[in-house]
C-alpha atoms as a PDB file:
ATOM      1  CA  MET A   1    -153.800  89.243-155.962  1.00  0.00           C
ATOM      2  CA  TYR A   2    -150.161  90.201-156.371  1.00  0.00           C
ATOM      3  CA  ARG A   3    -149.515  89.594-152.706  1.00  0.00           C
ATOM      4  CA  SER A   4    -151.132  86.119-152.717  1.00  0.00           C
ATOM      5  CA  ALA A   5    -149.151  85.130-155.832  1.00  0.00           C
ATOM      6  CA  LEU A   6    -145.974  86.221-154.071  1.00  0.00           C
ATOM      7  CA  VAL A   7    -146.852  84.152-150.992  1.00  0.00           C
ATOM      8  CA  VAL A   8    -147.624  81.074-153.141  1.00  0.00           C
ATOM      9  CA  ALA A   9    -144.311  81.472-155.023  1.00  0.00           C
ATOM     10  CA  ALA A  10    -142.410  81.840-151.739  1.00  0.00           C
ATOM     11  CA  VAL A  11    -144.005  78.670-150.350  1.00  0.00           C
ATOM     12  CA  ILE A  12    -143.293  76.683-153.533  1.00  0.00           C
ATOM     13  CA  PHE A  13    -139.702  77.826-153.948  1.00  0.00           C
ATOM     14  CA  GLY A  14    -138.921  77.994-150.230  1.00  0.00           C
ATOM     15  CA  GLY A  15    -140.231  74.511-149.555  1.00  0.00           C
ATOM     16  CA  GLY A  16    -137.632  72.968-151.866  1.00  0.00           C
ATOM     17  CA  CYS A  17    -134.721  74.283-149.830  1.00  0.00           C
ATOM     18  CA  SER A  18    -132.977  72.022-147.407  1.00  0.00           C
ATOM     19  CA  ARG A  19    -130.185  72.449-144.926  1.00  0.00           C
ATOM     20  CA  ASP A  20    -127.642  70.266-146.745  1.00  0.00           C
ATOM     21  CA  TRP A  21    -126.028  73.255-148.441  1.00  0.00           C
ATOM     22  CA  ARG A  22    -123.610  73.843-145.604  1.00  0.00           C
ATOM     23  CA  THR A  23    -120.004  72.959-146.353  1.00  0.00           C
ATOM     24  CA  ASP A  24    -118.263  73.600-143.054  1.00  0.00           C
ATOM     25  CA  MET A  25    -116.674  70.829-140.994  1.00  0.00           C
ATOM     26  CA  TRP A  26    -119.355  70.965-138.297  1.00  0.00           C
ATOM     27  CA  TYR A  27    -122.112  69.578-140.528  1.00  0.00           C
ATOM     28  CA  GLN A  28    -120.163  66.921-142.416  1.00  0.00           C
ATOM     29  CA  PRO A  29    -121.389  63.371-142.898  1.00  0.00           C
ATOM     30  CA  SER A  30    -119.770  61.006-140.443  1.00  0.00           C
ATOM     31  CA  LEU A  31    -119.356  57.298-139.884  1.00  0.00           C
ATOM     32  CA  ARG A  32    -120.411  56.210-136.432  1.00  0.00           C
ATOM     33  CA  PRO A  33    -118.401  53.402-134.775  1.00  0.00           C
ATOM     34  CA  GLU A  34    -121.350  51.020-134.961  1.00  0.00           C
ATOM     35  CA  ASP A  35    -121.591  51.594-138.753  1.00  0.00           C
ATOM     36  CA  ALA A  36    -117.930  50.719-139.465  1.00  0.00           C
ATOM     37  CA  PRO A  37    -117.108  47.301-140.933  1.00  0.00           C
ATOM     38  CA  ARG A  38    -116.291  44.713-138.338  1.00  0.00           C
ATOM     39  CA  PRO A  39    -113.060  42.738-138.405  1.00  0.00           C
ATOM     40  CA  GLN A  40    -113.292  39.087-139.365  1.00  0.00           C
ATOM     41  CA  PRO A  41    -113.461  36.687-136.437  1.00  0.00           C
ATOM     42  CA  ASP A  42    -110.469  34.448-135.787  1.00  0.00           C
ATOM     43  CA  ARG A  43    -110.353  31.285-137.906  1.00  0.00           C
ATOM     44  CA  SER A  44    -113.140  32.528-140.189  1.00  0.00           C
ATOM     45  CA  VAL A  45    -113.186  31.580-143.860  1.00  0.00           C
ATOM     46  CA  PRO A  46    -113.369  34.460-146.364  1.00  0.00           C
ATOM     47  CA  LEU A  47    -116.218  34.377-148.886  1.00  0.00           C
ATOM     48  CA  ASP A  48    -113.900  34.305-151.898  1.00  0.00           C
ATOM     49  CA  GLY A  49    -112.128  31.237-150.513  1.00  0.00           C
ATOM     50  CA  GLU A  50    -108.671  32.808-150.839  1.00  0.00           C
ATOM     51  CA  LEU A  51    -106.381  32.765-147.843  1.00  0.00           C
ATOM     52  CA  GLN A  52    -105.796  36.159-146.281  1.00  0.00           C
ATOM     53  CA  TYR A  53    -102.307  37.268-145.292  1.00  0.00           C
ATOM     54  CA  GLN A  54    -101.261  40.403-143.451  1.00  0.00           C
ATOM     55  CA  ASP A  55     -98.393  41.310-145.768  1.00  0.00           C
ATOM     56  CA  ARG A  56     -95.915  39.914-148.261  1.00  0.00           C
ATOM     57  CA  GLU A  57     -93.636  38.544-145.538  1.00  0.00           C
ATOM     58  CA  GLU A  58     -96.251  35.907-144.700  1.00  0.00           C
ATOM     59  CA  THR A  59     -96.309  34.625-148.297  1.00  0.00           C
ATOM     60  CA  GLU A  60     -92.611  33.718-148.390  1.00  0.00           C
ATOM     61  CA  GLU A  61     -93.283  29.977-148.060  1.00  0.00           C
ATOM     62  CA  LEU A  62     -95.983  29.768-150.755  1.00  0.00           C
ATOM     63  CA  ARG A  63     -95.235  27.477-153.686  1.00  0.00           C
ATOM     64  CA  ASN A  64     -96.183  28.462-157.208  1.00  0.00           C
ATOM     65  CA  PRO A  65     -99.152  26.244-158.173  1.00  0.00           C
ATOM     66  CA  VAL A  66     -99.143  27.434-161.805  1.00  0.00           C
ATOM     67  CA  THR A  67     -96.864  25.620-164.226  1.00  0.00           C
ATOM     68  CA  ALA A  68     -94.931  27.972-166.495  1.00  0.00           C
ATOM     69  CA  THR A  69     -96.623  26.934-169.733  1.00  0.00           C
ATOM     70  CA  ALA A  70     -96.507  29.050-172.881  1.00  0.00           C
ATOM     71  CA  ALA A  71    -100.063  30.228-172.173  1.00  0.00           C
ATOM     72  CA  SER A  72     -99.177  31.219-168.598  1.00  0.00           C
ATOM     73  CA  LEU A  73     -96.074  33.111-169.723  1.00  0.00           C
ATOM     74  CA  ALA A  74     -97.941  34.900-172.531  1.00  0.00           C
ATOM     75  CA  HIS A  75    -100.739  35.907-170.168  1.00  0.00           C
ATOM     76  CA  GLY A  76     -98.199  37.030-167.572  1.00  0.00           C
ATOM     77  CA  LYS A  77     -96.407  39.152-170.166  1.00  0.00           C
ATOM     78  CA  THR A  78     -99.682  40.800-171.227  1.00  0.00           C
ATOM     79  CA  LEU A  79    -100.513  41.603-167.616  1.00  0.00           C
ATOM     80  CA  PHE A  80     -96.969  42.832-167.003  1.00  0.00           C
ATOM     81  CA  ILE A  81     -97.107  45.274-169.905  1.00  0.00           C
ATOM     82  CA  SER A  82    -100.428  46.713-168.775  1.00  0.00           C
ATOM     83  CA  ARG A  83     -99.853  46.699-164.989  1.00  0.00           C
ATOM     84  CA  CYS A  84     -96.125  46.716-164.277  1.00  0.00           C
ATOM     85  CA  ALA A  85     -94.357  48.298-167.259  1.00  0.00           C
ATOM     86  CA  PRO A  86     -95.272  51.888-166.335  1.00  0.00           C
ATOM     87  CA  CYS A  87     -92.898  51.586-163.352  1.00  0.00           C
ATOM     88  CA  HIS A  88     -90.599  48.629-164.115  1.00  0.00           C
ATOM     89  CA  GLY A  89     -90.270  49.283-167.861  1.00  0.00           C
ATOM     90  CA  VAL A  90     -91.393  46.986-170.673  1.00  0.00           C
ATOM     91  CA  GLU A  91     -88.364  44.729-170.224  1.00  0.00           C
ATOM     92  CA  GLY A  92     -88.629  44.752-166.413  1.00  0.00           C
ATOM     93  CA  HIS A  93     -85.281  46.440-165.831  1.00  0.00           C
ATOM     94  CA  GLY A  94     -86.665  49.677-164.387  1.00  0.00           C
ATOM     95  CA  GLY A  95     -86.895  53.073-165.991  1.00  0.00           C
ATOM     96  CA  GLY A  96     -90.593  53.063-166.868  1.00  0.00           C
ATOM     97  CA  PRO A  97     -92.316  56.367-167.653  1.00  0.00           C
ATOM     98  CA  VAL A  98     -93.517  56.756-164.053  1.00  0.00           C
ATOM     99  CA  SER A  99     -89.891  56.895-162.868  1.00  0.00           C
ATOM    100  CA  LYS A 100     -89.686  60.439-164.243  1.00  0.00           C
ATOM    101  CA  PHE A 101     -91.979  61.550-161.418  1.00  0.00           C
ATOM    102  CA  PHE A 102     -91.286  59.024-158.645  1.00  0.00           C
ATOM    103  CA  PRO A 103     -88.243  57.062-157.485  1.00  0.00           C
ATOM    104  CA  ALA A 104     -87.362  54.427-160.068  1.00  0.00           C
ATOM    105  CA  ALA A 105     -88.729  50.917-159.596  1.00  0.00           C
ATOM    106  CA  PRO A 106     -86.052  48.255-159.199  1.00  0.00           C
ATOM    107  CA  ASP A 107     -84.702  46.070-161.952  1.00  0.00           C
ATOM    108  CA  LEU A 108     -86.509  42.758-161.520  1.00  0.00           C
ATOM    109  CA  ALA A 109     -83.336  40.893-162.492  1.00  0.00           C
ATOM    110  CA  TYR A 110     -81.313  42.272-159.532  1.00  0.00           C
ATOM    111  CA  VAL A 111     -79.662  39.603-157.434  1.00  0.00           C
ATOM    112  CA  THR A 112     -81.766  40.464-154.370  1.00  0.00           C
ATOM    113  CA  VAL A 113     -85.042  40.231-156.299  1.00  0.00           C
ATOM    114  CA  ARG A 114     -83.893  37.067-158.038  1.00  0.00           C
ATOM    115  CA  ALA A 115     -83.146  35.459-154.656  1.00  0.00           C
ATOM    116  CA  ARG A 116     -86.728  35.987-153.430  1.00  0.00           C
ATOM    117  CA  THR A 117     -89.144  33.070-153.486  1.00  0.00           C
ATOM    118  CA  ASP A 118     -92.081  32.840-155.854  1.00  0.00           C
ATOM    119  CA  GLY A 119     -94.349  33.281-152.849  1.00  0.00           C
ATOM    120  CA  PHE A 120     -92.658  36.526-151.853  1.00  0.00           C
ATOM    121  CA  ILE A 121     -92.972  37.922-155.389  1.00  0.00           C
ATOM    122  CA  TRP A 122     -96.640  36.868-155.448  1.00  0.00           C
ATOM    123  CA  GLY A 123     -97.094  38.575-152.070  1.00  0.00           C
ATOM    124  CA  THR A 124     -95.444  41.747-153.355  1.00  0.00           C
ATOM    125  CA  ILE A 125     -97.812  41.833-156.321  1.00  0.00           C
ATOM    126  CA  THR A 126    -100.751  41.132-154.028  1.00  0.00           C
ATOM    127  CA  TYR A 127     -99.965  43.369-151.037  1.00  0.00           C
ATOM    128  CA  GLY A 128     -97.434  45.823-152.450  1.00  0.00           C
ATOM    129  CA  GLY A 129     -93.937  46.675-151.331  1.00  0.00           C
ATOM    130  CA  LYS A 130     -92.141  49.607-149.747  1.00  0.00           C
ATOM    131  CA  ALA A 131     -92.982  52.015-152.567  1.00  0.00           C
ATOM    132  CA  MET A 132     -95.126  49.701-154.690  1.00  0.00           C
ATOM    133  CA  PRO A 133     -98.907  49.820-154.351  1.00  0.00           C
ATOM    134  CA  SER A 134    -100.912  46.625-154.181  1.00  0.00           C
ATOM    135  CA  GLN A 135    -101.868  45.236-157.588  1.00  0.00           C
ATOM    136  CA  ARG A 136    -104.431  42.789-156.226  1.00  0.00           C
ATOM    137  CA  GLU A 137    -107.555  44.609-157.374  1.00  0.00           C
ATOM    138  CA  GLY A 138    -108.713  43.341-160.748  1.00  0.00           C
ATOM    139  CA  LEU A 139    -106.290  40.409-160.790  1.00  0.00           C
ATOM    140  CA  SER A 140    -107.267  36.875-159.877  1.00  0.00           C
ATOM    141  CA  GLU A 141    -104.953  34.657-157.878  1.00  0.00           C
ATOM    142  CA  ARG A 142    -104.091  32.845-161.127  1.00  0.00           C
ATOM    143  CA  ASP A 143    -103.250  36.165-162.851  1.00  0.00           C
ATOM    144  CA  ARG A 144    -100.788  37.010-160.094  1.00  0.00           C
ATOM    145  CA  TRP A 145     -99.065  33.620-160.412  1.00  0.00           C
ATOM    146  CA  ASP A 146     -98.829  34.158-164.187  1.00  0.00           C
ATOM    147  CA  LEU A 147     -97.105  37.472-163.418  1.00  0.00           C
ATOM    148  CA  VAL A 148     -94.666  35.634-161.141  1.00  0.00           C
ATOM    149  CA  ASN A 149     -93.860  33.258-164.001  1.00  0.00           C
ATOM    150  CA  HIS A 150     -93.215  36.209-166.305  1.00  0.00           C
ATOM    151  CA  VAL A 151     -90.958  37.870-163.726  1.00  0.00           C
ATOM    152  CA  ARG A 152     -88.952  34.647-163.625  1.00  0.00           C
ATOM    153  CA  THR A 153     -88.488  34.861-167.424  1.00  0.00           C
ATOM    154  CA  ILE A 154     -87.190  38.420-166.996  1.00  0.00           C
ATOM    155  CA  GLN A 155     -84.697  37.057-164.496  1.00  0.00           C
ATOM    156  CA  GLY A 156     -83.624  34.324-166.894  1.00  0.00           C
ATOM    157  CA  ARG A 157     -84.811  31.558-164.567  1.00  0.00           C
ATOM    158  CA  LEU A 158     -87.457  30.388-167.057  1.00  0.00           C
ATOM    159  CA  PRO A 159     -87.178  30.229-170.858  1.00  0.00           C
ATOM    160  CA  ARG A 160     -89.074  32.865-172.807  1.00  0.00           C
ATOM    161  CA  PRO A 161     -92.210  31.691-174.632  1.00  0.00           C
END
């Protein structure tokens, strides 16, 4: 009786074990080449309808389609405070709290930044810069243009709302 109960318990508890407990590199999950995402074909249209660029250099010629209305500037300022101020500071002149741990973000009113086109600034927000990560995720195309309008107010090129 004792022996049969032990055999039944071993079968019940032993049957629940699997071989996925191994943690060495030999038995890791892998992505086979045929499972990887495929690149988009040439001249294809993305599903979201937004043009795709390789980097911010390609956006230099873009024109700002969003008029700098009071609503656009207010929305841009709200987005700036939540997304950009940690690095560029609340006023956009650098020295945000993140600069204590990383190299300081540039003053957005510098002459070199001021000389950039709206398209280049939009591309920097979208694709990132040398030390700046992309801010595209979670922001619509319109949000990014509102941010460009706010950056222009920091530079003194547009009146403040």
